[in-house]
Protein backbone atom coordinates (compact mmCIF):
# COMPACT_ATOMS: atom_id res chain seq x y z
CA UNK A 1 109.19 124.55 83.40
CA UNK A 2 106.70 124.17 86.18
CA UNK A 3 107.16 125.30 89.58
CA UNK A 4 105.48 123.68 92.70
CA UNK A 5 105.48 125.61 95.89
CA UNK A 6 106.24 124.53 99.11
CA UNK A 7 105.16 126.41 102.19
CA UNK A 8 107.21 125.88 105.60
CA UNK A 9 107.03 127.38 108.65
CA UNK A 10 110.88 128.80 108.85
CA UNK A 11 112.42 127.86 112.49
CA UNK A 12 113.96 130.98 113.00
CA UNK A 13 111.01 133.14 112.67
CA UNK A 14 107.23 133.43 112.74
CA UNK A 15 107.01 134.48 109.12
CA UNK A 16 106.45 131.47 106.23
CA UNK A 17 109.09 130.95 103.72
CA UNK A 18 108.14 130.03 100.64
CA UNK A 19 109.97 127.04 98.31
CA UNK A 20 109.65 126.51 94.92
CA UNK A 21 110.87 122.60 94.22
CA UNK A 22 110.27 122.04 90.31
CA UNK A 23 108.30 119.51 89.02
CA UNK A 24 109.83 116.51 87.32
CA UNK A 25 108.28 114.54 84.59
CA UNK A 26 110.77 112.16 83.20
CA UNK A 27 110.47 113.17 79.76
CA UNK A 28 113.91 113.33 77.93
CA UNK A 29 114.44 116.92 77.45
CA UNK A 30 114.79 117.18 81.51
CA UNK A 31 117.69 117.60 83.44
CA UNK A 32 117.81 114.97 86.66
CA UNK A 33 120.78 116.60 87.79
CA UNK A 34 119.60 120.17 88.42
CA UNK A 35 116.45 118.41 89.43
CA UNK A 36 118.14 116.70 92.37
CA UNK A 37 119.72 120.45 92.96
CA UNK A 38 116.42 121.69 93.62
CA UNK A 39 114.91 119.32 95.73
CA UNK A 40 118.22 118.97 98.50
CA UNK A 41 118.60 122.77 98.49
CA UNK A 42 114.65 122.78 99.73
CA UNK A 43 115.48 119.80 101.90
CA UNK A 44 118.85 121.73 103.57
CA UNK A 45 116.70 125.06 103.72
CA UNK A 46 114.04 123.41 105.40
CA UNK A 47 116.11 121.51 107.98
CA UNK A 48 114.34 118.16 106.30
CA UNK A 49 116.63 115.34 107.94
CA UNK A 50 114.09 112.54 108.14
CA UNK A 51 113.98 110.23 104.72
CA UNK A 52 110.33 109.45 104.94
CA UNK A 53 109.86 113.65 104.70
CA UNK A 54 112.14 113.54 102.56
CA UNK A 55 110.52 111.21 100.00
CA UNK A 56 106.96 113.12 100.67
CA UNK A 57 108.56 115.83 99.48
CA UNK A 58 110.24 113.83 96.33
CA UNK A 59 107.09 112.63 95.18
CA UNK A 60 105.30 115.91 95.52
CA UNK A 61 107.17 116.93 92.42
CA UNK A 62 107.18 114.03 90.35
CA UNK A 63 104.55 113.78 87.72
CA UNK A 64 103.82 111.92 84.44
CA UNK A 65 106.05 108.88 83.83
CA UNK A 66 108.38 110.04 86.65
CA UNK A 67 105.73 109.43 88.99
CA UNK A 68 104.77 105.93 87.47
CA UNK A 69 108.08 104.92 87.81
CA UNK A 70 108.29 106.07 91.42
CA UNK A 71 105.12 104.05 92.08
CA UNK A 72 106.69 101.12 90.62
CA UNK A 73 109.77 101.22 92.35
CA UNK A 74 108.37 101.77 95.57
CA UNK A 75 106.31 99.19 95.62
CA UNK A 76 109.20 96.72 94.64
CA UNK A 77 111.52 98.91 97.01
CA UNK A 78 109.53 99.63 99.55
CA UNK A 79 112.76 99.86 101.98
CA UNK A 80 114.82 101.92 99.10
CA UNK A 81 116.58 105.48 100.97
CA UNK A 82 116.68 108.42 98.98
CA UNK A 83 120.13 107.75 97.52
CA UNK A 84 118.70 104.58 96.24
CA UNK A 85 116.01 106.68 94.76
CA UNK A 86 118.31 108.86 93.12
CA UNK A 87 120.51 106.01 91.99
CA UNK A 88 117.54 104.40 90.51
CA UNK A 89 116.32 107.11 88.30
CA UNK A 90 119.52 107.92 86.83
CA UNK A 91 119.45 104.29 85.38
């Protein structure tokens, strides 16, 4: 399983915090629930509440089939929120 490293400035210190985000390719052997768990944990740890920032983080973790799906989905549903994207990925 590939891991992306996301760097963010920690709110409470001047140190750089490193959080690892799982790469999701949309292959049959990947666990979508595990992927969403990690992504949400990263958002929570970074204090991300804005849907646009969440989408940018999400897109950075998608590759291959999953990224192609997202591009097609976002072209048809440009206003889709994170909950909509998660529900659509499960179908």
